[in-house]
Protein backbone atom coordinates (compact mmCIF):
# COMPACT_ATOMS: atom_id res chain seq x y z
CA CYS A 1 134.90 -18.69 7.17
CA ARG A 2 131.94 -17.60 5.05
CA VAL A 3 131.46 -17.80 1.30
CA TRP A 4 129.51 -15.21 -0.64
CA PHE A 5 128.94 -14.26 -4.26
CA SER A 6 129.41 -10.73 -5.50
CA GLY A 7 126.72 -9.33 -7.75
CA GLY A 8 126.09 -11.00 -11.04
CA SER A 9 129.69 -11.87 -11.74
CA ARG A 10 129.35 -15.08 -9.76
CA GLN A 11 132.91 -14.67 -8.38
CA LYS A 12 133.37 -16.65 -5.25
CA HIS A 13 134.96 -14.69 -2.34
CA THR A 14 135.96 -15.84 1.09
CA PHE A 15 136.69 -13.75 4.10
CA LEU A 16 137.78 -14.50 7.63
CA HIS A 17 136.08 -13.20 10.71
CA GLY A 18 136.35 -13.38 14.48
CA THR A 19 138.98 -15.59 16.08
CA VAL A 20 140.01 -17.17 12.77
CA PHE A 21 141.04 -13.75 11.45
CA LYS A 22 142.90 -12.83 14.64
CA THR A 23 144.78 -16.13 14.64
CA ALA A 24 145.79 -15.74 10.99
CA PHE A 25 146.83 -12.12 11.56
CA ASN A 26 148.95 -13.03 14.60
CA MET A 27 150.66 -15.83 12.67
CA ILE A 28 151.56 -13.43 9.87
CA LYS A 29 152.78 -10.83 12.37
CA ARG A 30 155.02 -13.38 14.15
CA SER A 31 156.39 -14.60 10.83
CA ALA A 32 157.24 -11.05 9.77
CA LEU A 33 158.95 -10.37 13.10
CA ALA A 34 160.93 -13.61 12.90
CA PHE A 35 162.04 -12.77 9.36
CA ALA A 36 163.10 -9.25 10.40
CA LEU A 37 165.13 -10.63 13.32
CA PHE A 38 166.73 -13.19 11.02
CA VAL A 39 167.78 -10.49 8.55
CA LEU A 40 169.17 -8.23 11.30
CA ALA A 41 171.11 -11.06 12.95
CA ALA A 42 172.44 -12.47 9.70
CA PRO A 43 176.21 -12.49 9.54
CA VAL A 44 178.01 -10.15 7.17
CA VAL A 45 179.30 -12.15 4.22
CA PHE A 46 181.45 -10.93 1.35
CA ALA A 47 182.21 -12.93 -1.74
CA GLY A 48 185.89 -12.51 -2.45
CA GLY A 49 189.39 -13.33 -1.37
CA GLU A 50 191.19 -13.58 1.95
CA ASP A 51 190.89 -9.83 2.56
CA GLU A 52 187.10 -9.87 2.32
CA ALA A 53 186.82 -13.08 4.36
CA LEU A 54 188.90 -11.51 7.11
CA PHE A 55 186.86 -8.31 6.96
CA SER A 56 183.66 -10.34 7.15
CA SER A 57 185.00 -12.13 10.23
CA ALA A 58 186.01 -8.82 11.82
CA GLU A 59 182.60 -7.27 11.13
CA ASN A 60 180.81 -10.27 12.63
CA SER A 61 183.00 -10.15 15.75
CA PHE A 62 182.38 -6.41 16.02
CA LYS A 63 178.63 -6.94 15.66
CA ALA A 64 178.80 -9.54 18.43
CA ARG A 65 180.75 -7.02 20.57
CA ASP A 66 183.75 -9.31 20.68
CA TYR A 67 186.06 -6.32 20.32
CA ALA A 68 189.31 -8.15 21.09
CA VAL A 69 188.81 -10.61 18.22
CA ALA A 70 187.56 -7.87 15.89
CA LEU A 71 190.61 -5.75 16.79
CA LYS A 72 192.94 -8.60 15.86
CA ASP A 73 191.20 -9.11 12.51
CA TYR A 74 191.09 -5.40 11.63
CA SER A 75 194.77 -5.05 12.55
CA GLU A 76 195.62 -7.98 10.30
CA ILE A 77 193.69 -6.39 7.42
CA LEU A 78 195.61 -3.12 7.83
CA GLU A 79 198.91 -4.98 7.90
CA LYS A 80 198.31 -7.46 5.06
CA PHE A 81 195.95 -5.57 2.74
CA PRO A 82 196.74 -1.83 2.75
CA THR A 83 194.89 -1.30 -0.56
CA PHE A 84 191.75 -3.19 0.47
CA ARG A 85 188.58 -1.47 -0.78
CA PHE A 86 187.21 -1.16 2.78
CA ILE A 87 190.48 -0.02 4.34
CA VAL A 88 188.94 3.17 5.77
CA ASP A 89 186.16 1.14 7.38
CA ALA A 90 188.76 -1.24 8.81
CA LYS A 91 190.79 1.67 10.24
CA TYR A 92 187.72 3.27 11.77
CA SER A 93 186.38 0.02 13.21
CA ARG A 94 189.81 -0.89 14.61
CA ALA A 95 189.92 2.47 16.41
CA TRP A 96 186.38 1.88 17.68
CA CYS A 97 187.45 -1.52 19.08
CA LEU A 98 190.32 0.16 20.89
CA TYR A 99 187.86 2.73 22.28
CA GLU A 100 185.49 -0.01 23.49
CA LEU A 101 188.39 -1.85 25.12
CA GLY A 102 189.36 1.33 26.99
CA HIS A 103 192.59 1.95 25.06
CA TYR A 104 191.69 5.59 24.52
CA GLU A 105 195.07 6.97 23.44
CA GLU A 106 195.46 4.28 20.77
CA ALA A 107 191.85 4.82 19.71
CA ILE A 108 192.47 8.57 19.35
CA ALA A 109 195.52 7.85 17.19
CA GLY A 110 193.45 5.49 15.03
CA PHE A 111 190.63 7.98 14.59
CA ARG A 112 193.16 10.71 13.75
CA ASP A 113 194.62 8.45 11.04
CA VAL A 114 191.18 8.23 9.45
CA VAL A 115 190.75 12.02 9.55
CA GLU A 116 194.26 12.79 8.26
CA ASP A 117 194.49 10.05 5.61
CA HIS A 118 190.88 10.26 4.36
CA PRO A 119 189.50 13.74 5.17
CA THR A 120 186.65 13.53 2.64
CA HIS A 121 185.46 10.05 3.63
CA PRO A 122 182.14 9.97 5.51
CA LEU A 123 183.88 8.30 8.47
CA ALA A 124 186.21 11.27 8.92
CA ASN A 125 183.53 13.32 10.67
CA GLU A 126 182.53 10.33 12.79
CA SER A 127 186.19 10.00 13.75
CA VAL A 128 186.40 13.61 14.92
CA TYR A 129 183.37 12.99 17.14
CA LYS A 130 184.88 9.78 18.57
CA ILE A 131 188.13 11.62 19.34
CA GLY A 132 186.13 14.13 21.38
CA GLN A 133 184.25 11.32 23.08
CA SER A 134 187.52 9.56 23.91
CA PHE A 135 188.90 12.69 25.56
CA PHE A 136 185.63 13.22 27.42
CA ASP A 137 185.59 9.63 28.73
CA GLN A 138 189.14 10.12 30.04
CA LYS A 139 188.02 13.32 31.77
CA LYS A 140 190.42 15.34 29.60
CA TYR A 141 187.83 18.07 29.33
CA ASP A 142 190.05 20.77 27.80
CA SER A 143 190.86 18.49 24.86
CA ALA A 144 187.23 17.35 24.61
CA ILE A 145 186.10 21.01 24.47
CA GLU A 146 188.57 21.71 21.67
CA ILE A 147 187.49 18.69 19.61
CA PHE A 148 183.74 19.08 20.13
CA SER A 149 183.99 22.78 19.26
CA GLN A 150 185.81 21.82 16.04
CA PHE A 151 183.19 19.15 15.30
CA ILE A 152 180.30 21.60 15.77
CA ARG A 153 182.03 24.21 13.61
CA GLU A 154 182.94 21.82 10.77
CA TYR A 155 179.83 19.60 10.79
CA PRO A 156 176.91 21.77 11.94
CA LEU A 157 174.29 19.57 10.24
CA HIS A 158 175.69 16.21 11.36
CA PRO A 159 173.23 14.01 13.30
CA LYS A 160 175.64 13.92 16.27
CA THR A 161 176.01 17.70 16.49
CA ALA A 162 173.30 17.99 19.14
CA ASN A 163 175.06 15.38 21.26
CA ALA A 164 178.37 17.17 20.71
CA HIS A 165 176.74 20.34 22.09
CA TYR A 166 175.57 18.38 25.12
CA LEU A 167 179.00 16.84 25.79
CA LEU A 168 180.63 20.23 25.23
CA GLY A 169 178.36 21.69 27.91
CA GLN A 170 179.12 18.78 30.23
CA ALA A 171 182.85 19.30 29.72
CA TYR A 172 182.59 23.00 30.57
CA TYR A 173 180.47 22.14 33.61
CA SER A 174 183.00 19.56 34.79
CA LEU A 175 185.79 22.12 34.57
CA GLY A 176 183.79 24.41 36.86
């Protein structure tokens, strides 16, 4: 560390050089990375009643990819709290859990509920895509083609439209 004076103002300045600077910089970089990881891994917490506590638990289980536990919690929310402010999110996430667990027909029904009951909600378009993906994963290519074609027509600017085009092409290819 060196000390120098700037001009006539007599202000004392210090600056780091060489290995001292690199060490300080690396410590700051590691601290920033650790903080970012802490924020990303932090559990979802809602201040509220039983409905929000259960939703928080479901979201944390979902985040941890414990889909069976998340499914149970989302199902309980839908049963006990049908007017919950995040009911659409709970419906969508429940369907996603079913999809991840390989229960495709139930997942499709869940995603369809989101589309039919909440057609203007942002998760409605995501649900249409997941229906197509569910059909594709089951090798029900005719149904996947129908859904992906609908998705592309209705949501041409959606971020997943390019992937829908790809899966549509794959479905046609698989049919021969």
